[in-house]
């Protein structure tokens, strides 16, 4: 069990390993997240670029559209610049937002369509 901290103790004392065990697991993933987020954003941008020729090459079987949607989701969720780009695109072309279902806009931008 964790011991309550004594208000009389010095703030410069090091906490015991038991007290910091929970925080070590959350801070250990910070480095992985710093590397993984840009990689996922680049993967999303690559999927958007690759999805366009795939969509043109397969007009009868819509394979390119899910690839592009996956790329947009990865880019918007892992990059601030990608999210801003997507918001500007939807603001400039409101017809795109009309075609996107609510769940997709929520997945891409993290908010409702009308907010």
N, C-alpha and C. Protein backbone atom coordinates (compact mmCIF):
# COMPACT_ATOMS: atom_id res chain seq x y z
N UNK A 1 0.83 -1.17 0.00
CA UNK A 1 0.00 0.00 0.00
C UNK A 1 0.88 1.23 0.00
N UNK A 2 0.37 2.28 -0.57
CA UNK A 2 1.09 3.53 -0.58
C UNK A 2 0.96 4.23 0.76
N UNK A 3 2.06 4.82 1.18
CA UNK A 3 2.03 5.56 2.42
C UNK A 3 1.62 7.00 2.14
N UNK A 4 0.79 7.58 2.99
CA UNK A 4 0.46 8.99 2.77
C UNK A 4 1.71 9.83 3.00
N UNK A 5 1.85 10.88 2.23
CA UNK A 5 3.03 11.73 2.39
C UNK A 5 2.90 12.57 3.64
N UNK A 6 4.00 12.73 4.29
CA UNK A 6 4.04 13.50 5.53
C UNK A 6 4.25 14.96 5.16
N UNK A 7 3.38 15.89 5.60
CA UNK A 7 3.57 17.30 5.23
C UNK A 7 4.84 17.89 5.82
N UNK A 8 5.40 17.26 6.86
CA UNK A 8 6.63 17.77 7.48
C UNK A 8 7.87 17.33 6.73
N UNK A 9 7.73 16.35 5.83
CA UNK A 9 8.91 15.84 5.13
C UNK A 9 9.39 16.87 4.11
N UNK A 10 10.63 16.78 3.77
CA UNK A 10 11.24 17.72 2.84
C UNK A 10 10.75 17.44 1.42
N UNK A 11 10.48 18.46 0.63
CA UNK A 11 10.04 18.23 -0.75
C UNK A 11 11.14 17.70 -1.64
N UNK A 12 12.40 17.74 -1.16
CA UNK A 12 13.52 17.27 -1.97
C UNK A 12 13.82 15.80 -1.75
N UNK A 13 13.08 15.14 -0.88
CA UNK A 13 13.30 13.71 -0.67
C UNK A 13 12.79 12.94 -1.88
N UNK A 14 13.49 11.91 -2.21
CA UNK A 14 13.07 11.06 -3.33
C UNK A 14 11.96 10.14 -2.86
N UNK A 15 10.90 9.98 -3.67
CA UNK A 15 9.84 9.05 -3.29
C UNK A 15 10.33 7.62 -3.42
N UNK A 16 9.70 6.75 -2.68
CA UNK A 16 10.09 5.34 -2.73
C UNK A 16 9.69 4.75 -4.08
N UNK A 17 10.33 3.66 -4.49
CA UNK A 17 9.97 3.04 -5.76
C UNK A 17 8.52 2.57 -5.79
N UNK A 18 7.97 2.23 -4.66
CA UNK A 18 6.57 1.80 -4.62
C UNK A 18 5.65 2.96 -4.97
N UNK A 19 5.97 4.16 -4.48
CA UNK A 19 5.13 5.32 -4.74
C UNK A 19 5.18 5.74 -6.20
N UNK A 20 6.28 5.52 -6.88
CA UNK A 20 6.40 5.94 -8.27
C UNK A 20 6.15 4.82 -9.26
N UNK A 21 5.73 3.66 -8.80
CA UNK A 21 5.53 2.53 -9.72
C UNK A 21 4.45 2.82 -10.74
N UNK A 22 3.38 3.46 -10.34
CA UNK A 22 2.30 3.75 -11.28
C UNK A 22 2.68 4.78 -12.31
N UNK A 23 3.47 5.77 -11.92
CA UNK A 23 3.83 6.82 -12.86
C UNK A 23 4.90 6.37 -13.84
N UNK A 24 5.68 5.38 -13.50
CA UNK A 24 6.74 4.91 -14.40
C UNK A 24 6.14 4.26 -15.64
N UNK A 25 5.02 3.59 -15.50
CA UNK A 25 4.42 2.95 -16.65
C UNK A 25 3.82 3.96 -17.61
N UNK A 26 3.29 5.06 -17.11
CA UNK A 26 2.71 6.05 -18.01
C UNK A 26 3.77 6.89 -18.69
N UNK A 27 4.86 7.20 -18.02
CA UNK A 27 5.90 8.01 -18.66
C UNK A 27 6.79 7.17 -19.57
N UNK A 28 6.80 5.88 -19.42
CA UNK A 28 7.62 5.03 -20.27
C UNK A 28 7.14 5.00 -21.71
N UNK A 29 5.87 5.24 -21.95
CA UNK A 29 5.31 5.22 -23.30
C UNK A 29 5.44 6.56 -23.99
N UNK A 30 5.88 7.59 -23.29
CA UNK A 30 5.97 8.92 -23.89
C UNK A 30 6.96 8.92 -25.06
N UNK A 31 8.09 8.26 -24.92
CA UNK A 31 9.07 8.21 -26.00
C UNK A 31 8.56 7.45 -27.20
N UNK A 32 7.82 6.37 -26.95
CA UNK A 32 7.24 5.60 -28.06
C UNK A 32 6.21 6.45 -28.80
N UNK A 33 5.41 7.20 -28.03
CA UNK A 33 4.39 8.04 -28.65
C UNK A 33 5.03 9.15 -29.48
N UNK A 34 6.14 9.71 -29.01
CA UNK A 34 6.81 10.77 -29.76
C UNK A 34 7.33 10.28 -31.10
N UNK A 35 7.67 9.02 -31.20
CA UNK A 35 8.16 8.45 -32.45
C UNK A 35 7.01 7.93 -33.30
N UNK A 36 6.01 7.34 -32.66
CA UNK A 36 4.94 6.67 -33.39
C UNK A 36 3.98 7.65 -34.06
N UNK A 37 3.68 8.78 -33.43
CA UNK A 37 2.71 9.72 -34.00
C UNK A 37 3.17 10.28 -35.35
N UNK A 38 4.41 10.75 -35.51
CA UNK A 38 4.82 11.23 -36.84
C UNK A 38 4.87 10.11 -37.88
N UNK A 39 5.22 8.92 -37.44
CA UNK A 39 5.26 7.78 -38.38
C UNK A 39 3.85 7.48 -38.88
N UNK A 40 2.87 7.49 -37.97
CA UNK A 40 1.48 7.25 -38.38
C UNK A 40 0.96 8.38 -39.26
N UNK A 41 1.36 9.61 -38.99
CA UNK A 41 0.94 10.74 -39.82
C UNK A 41 1.52 10.62 -41.23
N UNK A 42 2.78 10.24 -41.32
CA UNK A 42 3.40 10.04 -42.64
C UNK A 42 2.77 8.86 -43.37
N UNK A 43 2.45 7.80 -42.64
CA UNK A 43 1.77 6.67 -43.25
C UNK A 43 0.41 7.09 -43.79
N UNK A 44 -0.31 7.94 -43.04
CA UNK A 44 -1.60 8.44 -43.49
C UNK A 44 -1.47 9.26 -44.76
N UNK A 45 -0.47 10.16 -44.80
CA UNK A 45 -0.25 10.96 -46.01
C UNK A 45 0.11 10.07 -47.19
N UNK A 46 0.91 9.05 -46.94
CA UNK A 46 1.26 8.11 -48.01
C UNK A 46 0.06 7.32 -48.51
N UNK A 47 -0.84 6.95 -47.60
CA UNK A 47 -2.05 6.22 -48.01
C UNK A 47 -2.98 7.11 -48.83
N UNK A 48 -3.04 8.39 -48.49
CA UNK A 48 -3.87 9.31 -49.29
C UNK A 48 -3.31 9.41 -50.70
N UNK A 49 -2.01 9.58 -50.80
CA UNK A 49 -1.37 9.71 -52.11
C UNK A 49 -1.48 8.40 -52.91
N UNK A 50 -1.29 7.27 -52.25
CA UNK A 50 -1.37 5.98 -52.94
C UNK A 50 -2.81 5.61 -53.27
N UNK A 51 -3.76 6.10 -52.47
CA UNK A 51 -5.17 5.73 -52.69
C UNK A 51 -5.76 6.34 -53.94
N UNK A 52 -5.24 7.47 -54.37
CA UNK A 52 -5.79 8.13 -55.56
C UNK A 52 -5.57 7.29 -56.82
N UNK A 53 -4.34 6.84 -57.12
CA UNK A 53 -4.20 5.98 -58.31
C UNK A 53 -4.91 4.64 -58.17
N UNK A 54 -5.00 4.13 -56.93
CA UNK A 54 -5.73 2.88 -56.73
C UNK A 54 -7.20 3.08 -57.05
N UNK A 55 -7.76 4.22 -56.63
CA UNK A 55 -9.17 4.51 -56.91
C UNK A 55 -9.41 4.67 -58.41
N UNK A 56 -8.46 5.27 -59.11
CA UNK A 56 -8.61 5.44 -60.56
C UNK A 56 -8.45 4.10 -61.28
N UNK A 57 -7.55 3.26 -60.80
CA UNK A 57 -7.29 1.98 -61.46
C UNK A 57 -8.40 0.96 -61.23
N UNK A 58 -9.13 1.09 -60.13
CA UNK A 58 -10.19 0.12 -59.83
C UNK A 58 -11.54 0.84 -59.70
N UNK A 59 -12.11 1.29 -60.82
CA UNK A 59 -13.37 2.04 -60.73
C UNK A 59 -14.58 1.18 -60.37
N UNK A 60 -14.57 -0.08 -60.74
CA UNK A 60 -15.73 -0.93 -60.47
C UNK A 60 -15.75 -1.46 -59.05
N UNK A 61 -14.58 -1.76 -58.52
CA UNK A 61 -14.47 -2.23 -57.14
C UNK A 61 -13.81 -1.10 -56.34
N UNK A 62 -14.55 -0.45 -55.46
CA UNK A 62 -14.00 0.73 -54.77
C UNK A 62 -12.99 0.37 -53.68
N UNK A 63 -11.76 0.09 -54.10
CA UNK A 63 -10.70 -0.23 -53.16
C UNK A 63 -10.00 1.04 -52.70
N UNK A 64 -9.90 2.02 -53.56
CA UNK A 64 -9.16 3.23 -53.25
C UNK A 64 -9.81 4.09 -52.19
N UNK A 65 -11.13 4.12 -52.14
CA UNK A 65 -11.82 4.97 -51.18
C UNK A 65 -11.53 4.58 -49.73
N UNK A 66 -11.60 3.30 -49.36
CA UNK A 66 -11.23 2.96 -47.98
C UNK A 66 -9.76 3.25 -47.65
N UNK A 67 -8.90 3.12 -48.63
CA UNK A 67 -7.48 3.42 -48.42
C UNK A 67 -7.31 4.92 -48.15
N UNK A 68 -8.00 5.76 -48.91
CA UNK A 68 -7.93 7.20 -48.71
C UNK A 68 -8.53 7.58 -47.36
N UNK A 69 -9.67 6.98 -46.99
CA UNK A 69 -10.30 7.28 -45.71
C UNK A 69 -9.39 6.88 -44.56
N UNK A 70 -8.75 5.73 -44.65
CA UNK A 70 -7.80 5.31 -43.61
C UNK A 70 -6.64 6.30 -43.51
N UNK A 71 -6.15 6.77 -44.64
CA UNK A 71 -5.07 7.75 -44.64
C UNK A 71 -5.48 9.07 -44.01
N UNK A 72 -6.70 9.52 -44.32
CA UNK A 72 -7.19 10.77 -43.74
C UNK A 72 -7.35 10.64 -42.23
N UNK A 73 -7.86 9.51 -41.77
CA UNK A 73 -8.02 9.29 -40.33
C UNK A 73 -6.66 9.28 -39.64
N UNK A 74 -5.70 8.56 -40.19
CA UNK A 74 -4.37 8.52 -39.58
C UNK A 74 -3.71 9.89 -39.57
N UNK A 75 -3.84 10.63 -40.66
CA UNK A 75 -3.22 11.94 -40.73
C UNK A 75 -3.87 12.92 -39.77
N UNK A 76 -5.20 12.96 -39.74
CA UNK A 76 -5.89 13.94 -38.90
C UNK A 76 -5.77 13.61 -37.42
N UNK A 77 -5.70 12.35 -37.06
CA UNK A 77 -5.63 12.00 -35.64
C UNK A 77 -4.22 12.08 -35.06
N UNK A 78 -3.20 12.05 -35.92
CA UNK A 78 -1.82 12.02 -35.41
C UNK A 78 -1.00 13.25 -35.75
N UNK A 79 -1.58 14.23 -36.44
CA UNK A 79 -0.83 15.42 -36.81
C UNK A 79 -1.72 16.65 -36.65
N UNK A 80 -1.22 17.64 -35.96
CA UNK A 80 -1.98 18.87 -35.80
C UNK A 80 -2.12 19.57 -37.15
N UNK A 81 -1.07 19.60 -37.94
CA UNK A 81 -1.15 20.21 -39.26
C UNK A 81 -2.13 19.45 -40.16
N UNK A 82 -2.14 18.13 -40.05
CA UNK A 82 -3.09 17.34 -40.83
C UNK A 82 -4.53 17.59 -40.44
N UNK A 83 -4.76 17.76 -39.14
CA UNK A 83 -6.12 18.06 -38.67
C UNK A 83 -6.56 19.43 -39.17
N UNK A 84 -5.65 20.42 -39.09
CA UNK A 84 -6.00 21.76 -39.58
C UNK A 84 -6.25 21.75 -41.08
N UNK A 85 -5.46 20.98 -41.83
CA UNK A 85 -5.66 20.87 -43.27
C UNK A 85 -7.04 20.28 -43.56
N UNK A 86 -7.41 19.25 -42.80
CA UNK A 86 -8.71 18.62 -43.02
C UNK A 86 -9.84 19.57 -42.67
N UNK A 87 -9.71 20.34 -41.58
CA UNK A 87 -10.74 21.30 -41.20
C UNK A 87 -10.87 22.40 -42.25
N UNK A 88 -9.74 22.89 -42.78
CA UNK A 88 -9.81 23.91 -43.83
C UNK A 88 -10.46 23.36 -45.09
N UNK A 89 -10.13 22.12 -45.44
CA UNK A 89 -10.71 21.51 -46.63
C UNK A 89 -12.22 21.36 -46.48
N UNK A 90 -12.66 20.92 -45.31
CA UNK A 90 -14.10 20.77 -45.09
C UNK A 90 -14.80 22.12 -45.04
N UNK A 91 -14.11 23.16 -44.58
CA UNK A 91 -14.71 24.49 -44.55
C UNK A 91 -14.82 25.07 -45.96
N UNK A 92 -13.82 24.84 -46.79
CA UNK A 92 -13.84 25.35 -48.17
C UNK A 92 -14.84 24.59 -49.05
N UNK A 93 -14.97 23.30 -48.79
CA UNK A 93 -15.83 22.46 -49.62
C UNK A 93 -16.89 21.79 -48.73
N UNK A 94 -17.96 22.49 -48.42
CA UNK A 94 -18.97 21.91 -47.51
C UNK A 94 -19.67 20.68 -48.09
N UNK A 95 -19.59 20.51 -49.39
CA UNK A 95 -20.21 19.32 -50.00
C UNK A 95 -19.52 18.03 -49.53
N UNK A 96 -18.23 18.11 -49.23
CA UNK A 96 -17.53 16.93 -48.72
C UNK A 96 -18.08 16.51 -47.37
N UNK A 97 -18.37 17.48 -46.52
CA UNK A 97 -18.90 17.16 -45.19
C UNK A 97 -20.29 16.55 -45.30
N UNK A 98 -21.04 16.96 -46.31
CA UNK A 98 -22.38 16.42 -46.50
C UNK A 98 -22.34 14.94 -46.85
N UNK A 99 -21.32 14.53 -47.58
CA UNK A 99 -21.21 13.12 -47.96
C UNK A 99 -20.63 12.25 -46.86
N UNK A 100 -19.92 12.85 -45.92
CA UNK A 100 -19.30 12.07 -44.85
C UNK A 100 -20.32 11.78 -43.75
N UNK A 101 -20.46 10.54 -43.34
CA UNK A 101 -21.37 10.24 -42.24
C UNK A 101 -20.84 10.78 -40.91
N UNK A 102 -21.73 10.90 -39.94
CA UNK A 102 -21.36 11.46 -38.64
C UNK A 102 -20.23 10.68 -37.98
N UNK A 103 -20.28 9.35 -38.04
CA UNK A 103 -19.26 8.54 -37.38
C UNK A 103 -17.89 8.77 -38.00
N UNK A 104 -17.85 9.05 -39.31
CA UNK A 104 -16.56 9.27 -39.97
C UNK A 104 -15.96 10.63 -39.57
N UNK A 105 -16.80 11.66 -39.51
CA UNK A 105 -16.31 12.97 -39.09
C UNK A 105 -15.85 12.91 -37.64
N UNK A 106 -16.59 12.19 -36.80
CA UNK A 106 -16.19 12.02 -35.40
C UNK A 106 -14.87 11.27 -35.31
N UNK A 107 -14.66 10.28 -36.17
CA UNK A 107 -13.42 9.52 -36.18
C UNK A 107 -12.25 10.37 -36.66
N UNK A 108 -12.48 11.19 -37.67
CA UNK A 108 -11.41 11.99 -38.23
C UNK A 108 -11.05 13.17 -37.34
N UNK A 109 -12.05 13.95 -36.95
CA UNK A 109 -11.79 15.19 -36.24
C UNK A 109 -11.98 15.09 -34.74
N UNK A 110 -12.61 14.04 -34.27
CA UNK A 110 -12.82 13.89 -32.84
C UNK A 110 -13.95 14.73 -32.30
N UNK A 111 -14.83 15.19 -33.18
CA UNK A 111 -15.99 15.99 -32.76
C UNK A 111 -17.15 15.69 -33.69
N UNK A 112 -18.33 16.20 -33.33
CA UNK A 112 -19.50 15.97 -34.17
C UNK A 112 -19.42 16.80 -35.45
N UNK A 113 -20.22 16.41 -36.43
CA UNK A 113 -20.20 17.05 -37.72
C UNK A 113 -20.65 18.50 -37.64
N UNK A 114 -21.63 18.80 -36.85
CA UNK A 114 -22.21 20.13 -36.80
C UNK A 114 -21.57 21.05 -35.77
N UNK A 115 -20.62 20.55 -35.02
CA UNK A 115 -20.00 21.39 -33.97
C UNK A 115 -18.95 22.31 -34.54
